[in-house]
């Protein structure tokens, strides 16, 4: 089973889980974002958000964590390829960080759209 299709998929899932745990254990930005994800999930239960709101919230959390993971990988590769400062490497790292910023802003906007009406019931979009 080790070299079967299913065995390879299970091993691949194990590598992915290992990578996720490495990110959570070693990357401060992921740790902060996981804490925010936990808090916003607790808020979702507290305010009883709708199924649609849950879907947007879960997609937003996944988007931010995924893009942050890719950013970390890009930075790691860039540092490995060229450990000293280089303008092109700086550009690549800035662009990757910018992608995280887009994802984070999107998640913040979605959170505002979901929670403002729950926090301030008289306010409706």
N, C-alpha and C. Protein backbone atom coordinates (compact mmCIF):
# COMPACT_ATOMS: atom_id res chain seq x y z
N UNK A 1 0.83 -1.20 0.00
CA UNK A 1 0.00 0.00 0.00
C UNK A 1 0.87 1.26 0.00
N UNK A 2 2.11 1.15 0.43
CA UNK A 2 2.98 2.32 0.55
C UNK A 2 3.15 3.06 -0.77
N UNK A 3 3.29 2.37 -1.87
CA UNK A 3 3.49 3.01 -3.17
C UNK A 3 2.23 3.04 -4.03
N UNK A 4 1.10 2.65 -3.45
CA UNK A 4 -0.15 2.71 -4.19
C UNK A 4 -0.62 4.15 -4.28
N UNK A 5 -1.59 4.37 -5.12
CA UNK A 5 -2.16 5.72 -5.27
C UNK A 5 -2.66 6.23 -3.93
N UNK A 6 -3.42 5.39 -3.21
CA UNK A 6 -3.97 5.81 -1.93
C UNK A 6 -2.86 6.04 -0.91
N UNK A 7 -1.87 5.17 -0.90
CA UNK A 7 -0.75 5.33 0.02
C UNK A 7 -0.01 6.63 -0.20
N UNK A 8 0.20 6.98 -1.47
CA UNK A 8 0.87 8.25 -1.78
C UNK A 8 0.04 9.45 -1.35
N UNK A 9 -1.28 9.36 -1.52
CA UNK A 9 -2.15 10.46 -1.10
C UNK A 9 -2.12 10.62 0.42
N UNK A 10 -2.15 9.49 1.13
CA UNK A 10 -2.10 9.56 2.60
C UNK A 10 -0.78 10.16 3.05
N UNK A 11 0.34 9.73 2.44
CA UNK A 11 1.65 10.30 2.77
C UNK A 11 1.67 11.79 2.46
N UNK A 12 1.11 12.17 1.31
CA UNK A 12 1.06 13.59 0.94
C UNK A 12 0.26 14.40 1.96
N UNK A 13 -0.83 13.84 2.43
CA UNK A 13 -1.62 14.52 3.47
C UNK A 13 -0.82 14.67 4.75
N UNK A 14 -0.02 13.66 5.05
CA UNK A 14 0.85 13.74 6.23
C UNK A 14 1.87 14.86 6.10
N UNK A 15 2.45 14.99 4.91
CA UNK A 15 3.41 16.08 4.67
C UNK A 15 2.73 17.44 4.81
N UNK A 16 1.51 17.53 4.30
CA UNK A 16 0.77 18.80 4.40
C UNK A 16 0.47 19.14 5.86
N UNK A 17 0.05 18.13 6.63
CA UNK A 17 -0.22 18.36 8.05
C UNK A 17 1.07 18.77 8.77
N UNK A 18 2.18 18.11 8.43
CA UNK A 18 3.48 18.47 9.01
C UNK A 18 3.81 19.92 8.69
N UNK A 19 3.60 20.34 7.45
CA UNK A 19 3.87 21.72 7.05
C UNK A 19 3.00 22.71 7.80
N UNK A 20 1.71 22.38 7.97
CA UNK A 20 0.81 23.27 8.71
C UNK A 20 1.27 23.41 10.16
N UNK A 21 1.68 22.31 10.77
CA UNK A 21 2.15 22.36 12.15
C UNK A 21 3.45 23.14 12.27
N UNK A 22 4.33 22.99 11.30
CA UNK A 22 5.58 23.77 11.28
C UNK A 22 5.25 25.26 11.22
N UNK A 23 4.32 25.63 10.34
CA UNK A 23 3.91 27.03 10.23
C UNK A 23 3.39 27.55 11.57
N UNK A 24 2.50 26.79 12.19
CA UNK A 24 1.89 27.24 13.44
C UNK A 24 2.93 27.33 14.56
N UNK A 25 3.86 26.39 14.60
CA UNK A 25 4.86 26.38 15.66
C UNK A 25 5.94 27.44 15.48
N UNK A 26 6.28 27.77 14.23
CA UNK A 26 7.47 28.58 14.01
C UNK A 26 7.23 29.99 13.47
N UNK A 27 6.07 30.26 12.94
CA UNK A 27 5.83 31.55 12.30
C UNK A 27 4.91 32.43 13.15
N UNK A 28 5.48 33.53 13.64
CA UNK A 28 4.72 34.44 14.51
C UNK A 28 3.46 34.96 13.82
N UNK A 29 3.56 35.33 12.56
CA UNK A 29 2.39 35.90 11.88
C UNK A 29 1.27 34.86 11.76
N UNK A 30 1.60 33.61 11.52
CA UNK A 30 0.58 32.56 11.46
C UNK A 30 -0.03 32.36 12.85
N UNK A 31 0.79 32.39 13.88
CA UNK A 31 0.28 32.23 15.24
C UNK A 31 -0.74 33.31 15.57
N UNK A 32 -0.43 34.55 15.22
CA UNK A 32 -1.37 35.65 15.45
C UNK A 32 -2.65 35.42 14.66
N UNK A 33 -2.51 35.01 13.41
CA UNK A 33 -3.69 34.81 12.57
C UNK A 33 -4.53 33.63 13.03
N UNK A 34 -3.89 32.59 13.57
CA UNK A 34 -4.65 31.46 14.11
C UNK A 34 -5.43 31.91 15.35
N UNK A 35 -4.83 32.73 16.19
CA UNK A 35 -5.54 33.26 17.36
C UNK A 35 -6.73 34.10 16.91
N UNK A 36 -6.52 34.96 15.92
CA UNK A 36 -7.63 35.76 15.39
C UNK A 36 -8.72 34.85 14.83
N UNK A 37 -8.32 33.80 14.11
CA UNK A 37 -9.29 32.85 13.54
C UNK A 37 -10.10 32.18 14.65
N UNK A 38 -9.45 31.80 15.73
CA UNK A 38 -10.15 31.18 16.86
C UNK A 38 -11.13 32.17 17.48
N UNK A 39 -10.68 33.40 17.70
CA UNK A 39 -11.55 34.42 18.30
C UNK A 39 -12.75 34.73 17.42
N UNK A 40 -12.53 34.84 16.12
CA UNK A 40 -13.63 35.17 15.21
C UNK A 40 -14.59 33.98 15.10
N UNK A 41 -14.07 32.76 15.25
CA UNK A 41 -14.92 31.58 15.26
C UNK A 41 -15.79 31.56 16.52
N UNK A 42 -15.19 31.89 17.65
CA UNK A 42 -15.97 32.00 18.89
C UNK A 42 -17.04 33.07 18.74
N UNK A 43 -16.69 34.20 18.11
CA UNK A 43 -17.67 35.26 17.87
C UNK A 43 -18.81 34.75 17.00
N UNK A 44 -18.48 33.94 16.01
CA UNK A 44 -19.52 33.38 15.15
C UNK A 44 -20.54 32.56 15.92
N UNK A 45 -20.05 31.74 16.86
CA UNK A 45 -20.97 30.97 17.70
C UNK A 45 -21.75 31.88 18.64
N UNK A 46 -21.06 32.86 19.21
CA UNK A 46 -21.70 33.78 20.16
C UNK A 46 -22.85 34.55 19.49
N UNK A 47 -22.60 35.07 18.30
CA UNK A 47 -23.61 35.88 17.62
C UNK A 47 -24.57 35.05 16.78
N UNK A 48 -24.32 33.76 16.66
CA UNK A 48 -25.22 32.90 15.88
C UNK A 48 -25.30 33.30 14.42
N UNK A 49 -24.15 33.48 13.80
CA UNK A 49 -24.15 33.91 12.40
C UNK A 49 -24.76 32.83 11.50
N UNK A 50 -25.23 33.26 10.35
CA UNK A 50 -25.93 32.36 9.43
C UNK A 50 -24.96 31.42 8.73
N UNK A 51 -25.52 30.42 8.07
CA UNK A 51 -24.70 29.47 7.32
C UNK A 51 -23.90 30.18 6.23
N UNK A 52 -24.51 31.13 5.57
CA UNK A 52 -23.81 31.90 4.53
C UNK A 52 -22.68 32.71 5.14
N UNK A 53 -22.93 33.33 6.27
CA UNK A 53 -21.89 34.09 6.95
C UNK A 53 -20.74 33.18 7.38
N UNK A 54 -21.08 31.97 7.86
CA UNK A 54 -20.04 31.00 8.21
C UNK A 54 -19.18 30.66 6.99
N UNK A 55 -19.83 30.48 5.86
CA UNK A 55 -19.08 30.13 4.65
C UNK A 55 -18.08 31.23 4.29
N UNK A 56 -18.54 32.48 4.31
CA UNK A 56 -17.63 33.59 4.01
C UNK A 56 -16.51 33.69 5.05
N UNK A 57 -16.86 33.47 6.31
CA UNK A 57 -15.86 33.56 7.36
C UNK A 57 -14.82 32.45 7.21
N UNK A 58 -15.24 31.23 6.97
CA UNK A 58 -14.31 30.12 6.83
C UNK A 58 -13.42 30.31 5.60
N UNK A 59 -14.00 30.75 4.50
CA UNK A 59 -13.21 31.02 3.29
C UNK A 59 -12.17 32.11 3.58
N UNK A 60 -12.57 33.15 4.30
CA UNK A 60 -11.66 34.24 4.63
C UNK A 60 -10.50 33.76 5.50
N UNK A 61 -10.81 32.96 6.50
CA UNK A 61 -9.76 32.42 7.37
C UNK A 61 -8.81 31.56 6.56
N UNK A 62 -9.36 30.68 5.76
CA UNK A 62 -8.52 29.81 4.93
C UNK A 62 -7.67 30.59 3.94
N UNK A 63 -8.25 31.63 3.35
CA UNK A 63 -7.52 32.47 2.41
C UNK A 63 -6.31 33.13 3.07
N UNK A 64 -6.54 33.76 4.21
CA UNK A 64 -5.45 34.46 4.89
C UNK A 64 -4.35 33.48 5.31
N UNK A 65 -4.74 32.37 5.94
CA UNK A 65 -3.74 31.41 6.40
C UNK A 65 -2.99 30.79 5.22
N UNK A 66 -3.69 30.51 4.13
CA UNK A 66 -3.04 29.92 2.95
C UNK A 66 -2.05 30.88 2.31
N UNK A 67 -2.48 32.11 2.10
CA UNK A 67 -1.59 33.09 1.47
C UNK A 67 -0.40 33.38 2.38
N UNK A 68 -0.62 33.43 3.69
CA UNK A 68 0.49 33.65 4.62
C UNK A 68 1.48 32.48 4.54
N UNK A 69 0.97 31.27 4.42
CA UNK A 69 1.85 30.11 4.27
C UNK A 69 2.66 30.19 2.99
N UNK A 70 2.02 30.57 1.90
CA UNK A 70 2.75 30.73 0.63
C UNK A 70 3.79 31.84 0.74
N UNK A 71 3.44 32.93 1.41
CA UNK A 71 4.38 34.02 1.61
C UNK A 71 5.61 33.54 2.39
N UNK A 72 5.38 32.76 3.42
CA UNK A 72 6.48 32.23 4.21
C UNK A 72 7.37 31.33 3.35
N UNK A 73 6.76 30.50 2.52
CA UNK A 73 7.54 29.63 1.64
C UNK A 73 8.34 30.44 0.63
N UNK A 74 7.73 31.45 0.04
CA UNK A 74 8.43 32.30 -0.92
C UNK A 74 9.62 33.00 -0.26
N UNK A 75 9.41 33.53 0.93
CA UNK A 75 10.50 34.18 1.65
C UNK A 75 11.62 33.20 1.97
N UNK A 76 11.26 31.98 2.35
CA UNK A 76 12.26 30.96 2.65
C UNK A 76 13.08 30.59 1.43
N UNK A 77 12.42 30.42 0.29
CA UNK A 77 13.13 30.11 -0.95
C UNK A 77 14.02 31.27 -1.35
N UNK A 78 13.50 32.48 -1.25
CA UNK A 78 14.28 33.67 -1.63
C UNK A 78 15.53 33.79 -0.76
N UNK A 79 15.39 33.58 0.54
CA UNK A 79 16.54 33.66 1.44
C UNK A 79 17.54 32.54 1.16
N UNK A 80 17.05 31.38 0.78
CA UNK A 80 17.93 30.26 0.46
C UNK A 80 18.72 30.53 -0.83
N UNK A 81 18.02 31.04 -1.84
CA UNK A 81 18.65 31.30 -3.13
C UNK A 81 19.65 32.45 -3.03
N UNK A 82 19.27 33.49 -2.29
CA UNK A 82 20.14 34.66 -2.19
C UNK A 82 20.08 35.21 -0.77
N UNK A 83 20.94 34.68 0.14
CA UNK A 83 20.87 35.07 1.55
C UNK A 83 21.17 36.55 1.82
N UNK A 84 21.95 37.18 0.98
CA UNK A 84 22.28 38.59 1.17
C UNK A 84 21.21 39.46 0.51
N UNK A 85 21.20 40.74 0.89
CA UNK A 85 20.23 41.65 0.30
C UNK A 85 20.44 41.75 -1.21
N UNK A 86 19.33 41.70 -1.92
CA UNK A 86 19.34 41.89 -3.37
C UNK A 86 18.02 42.55 -3.74
N UNK A 87 18.08 43.54 -4.63
CA UNK A 87 16.87 44.29 -5.00
C UNK A 87 15.76 43.39 -5.53
N UNK A 88 16.09 42.42 -6.38
CA UNK A 88 15.08 41.53 -6.95
C UNK A 88 14.45 40.65 -5.87
N UNK A 89 15.27 40.15 -4.94
CA UNK A 89 14.75 39.33 -3.85
C UNK A 89 13.84 40.19 -2.96
N UNK A 90 14.25 41.42 -2.69
CA UNK A 90 13.41 42.33 -1.91
C UNK A 90 12.08 42.57 -2.59
N UNK A 91 12.11 42.75 -3.90
CA UNK A 91 10.89 42.96 -4.69
C UNK A 91 9.97 41.74 -4.57
N UNK A 92 10.53 40.55 -4.73
CA UNK A 92 9.75 39.31 -4.66
C UNK A 92 9.10 39.18 -3.28
N UNK A 93 9.87 39.44 -2.23
CA UNK A 93 9.34 39.32 -0.89
C UNK A 93 8.27 40.38 -0.61
N UNK A 94 8.46 41.58 -1.12
CA UNK A 94 7.45 42.64 -0.95
C UNK A 94 6.15 42.29 -1.65
N UNK A 95 6.26 41.75 -2.86
CA UNK A 95 5.06 41.37 -3.61
C UNK A 95 4.31 40.25 -2.88
N UNK A 96 5.04 39.26 -2.35
CA UNK A 96 4.40 38.17 -1.61
C UNK A 96 3.72 38.71 -0.35
N UNK A 97 4.37 39.63 0.34
CA UNK A 97 3.76 40.24 1.53
C UNK A 97 2.53 41.06 1.13
N UNK A 98 2.58 41.71 -0.02
CA UNK A 98 1.42 42.45 -0.52
C UNK A 98 0.23 41.55 -0.75
N UNK A 99 0.47 40.33 -1.23
CA UNK A 99 -0.62 39.37 -1.43
C UNK A 99 -1.29 39.04 -0.10
N UNK A 100 -0.50 38.90 0.96
CA UNK A 100 -1.05 38.66 2.29
C UNK A 100 -1.91 39.85 2.72
N UNK A 101 -1.42 41.05 2.44
CA UNK A 101 -2.17 42.25 2.80
C UNK A 101 -3.53 42.28 2.11
N UNK A 102 -3.57 41.94 0.82
CA UNK A 102 -4.85 41.88 0.10
C UNK A 102 -5.80 40.88 0.76
N UNK A 103 -5.28 39.71 1.10
CA UNK A 103 -6.12 38.69 1.74
C UNK A 103 -6.61 39.17 3.10
N UNK A 104 -5.73 39.79 3.87
CA UNK A 104 -6.11 40.27 5.20
C UNK A 104 -7.17 41.37 5.11
N UNK A 105 -6.99 42.32 4.20
CA UNK A 105 -7.99 43.38 4.02
C UNK A 105 -9.33 42.79 3.60
N UNK A 106 -9.31 41.81 2.72
CA UNK A 106 -10.55 41.15 2.30
C UNK A 106 -11.24 40.50 3.50
N UNK A 107 -10.46 39.82 4.33
CA UNK A 107 -11.02 39.17 5.52
C UNK A 107 -11.59 40.18 6.50
N UNK A 108 -10.92 41.30 6.65
CA UNK A 108 -11.41 42.35 7.56
C UNK A 108 -12.73 42.92 7.05
N UNK A 109 -12.80 43.18 5.77
CA UNK A 109 -14.04 43.71 5.19
C UNK A 109 -15.18 42.72 5.38
N UNK A 110 -14.91 41.45 5.14
CA UNK A 110 -15.94 40.42 5.32
C UNK A 110 -16.37 40.36 6.78
N UNK A 111 -15.42 40.43 7.71
CA UNK A 111 -15.76 40.40 9.14
C UNK A 111 -16.62 41.60 9.52
N UNK A 112 -16.30 42.76 8.99
CA UNK A 112 -17.11 43.96 9.27
C UNK A 112 -18.53 43.78 8.73
N UNK A 113 -18.63 43.27 7.51
CA UNK A 113 -19.96 43.06 6.92
C UNK A 113 -20.78 42.04 7.71
N UNK A 114 -20.11 41.03 8.25
CA UNK A 114 -20.82 40.02 9.03
C UNK A 114 -21.20 40.55 10.41
N UNK A 115 -20.25 41.17 11.12
CA UNK A 115 -20.45 41.42 12.55
C UNK A 115 -21.06 42.76 12.92
N UNK A 116 -20.93 43.78 12.09
CA UNK A 116 -21.54 45.08 12.43
C UNK A 116 -23.04 44.94 12.68
N UNK A 117 -23.80 44.26 11.81
CA UNK A 117 -25.23 44.12 12.09
C UNK A 117 -25.53 43.29 13.35
N UNK A 118 -24.62 42.37 13.72
CA UNK A 118 -24.83 41.58 14.93
C UNK A 118 -24.48 42.38 16.19
N UNK A 119 -23.47 43.20 16.09
CA UNK A 119 -23.03 44.01 17.25
C UNK A 119 -23.97 45.20 17.44
N UNK A 120 -24.38 45.80 16.33
CA UNK A 120 -25.29 46.95 16.37
C UNK A 120 -26.56 46.57 15.61
N UNK A 121 -27.51 45.91 16.30
CA UNK A 121 -28.71 45.36 15.61
C UNK A 121 -29.54 46.39 14.84
N UNK A 122 -29.51 47.65 15.27
CA UNK A 122 -30.30 48.67 14.56
C UNK A 122 -29.64 49.06 13.24
N UNK A 123 -28.38 48.72 13.07
CA UNK A 123 -27.66 49.05 11.85
C UNK A 123 -27.85 47.91 10.86
N UNK A 124 -28.35 48.23 9.68
CA UNK A 124 -28.50 47.23 8.62
C UNK A 124 -27.91 47.78 7.33
N UNK A 125 -27.29 46.92 6.58
CA UNK A 125 -26.67 47.34 5.31
C UNK A 125 -27.73 47.67 4.31
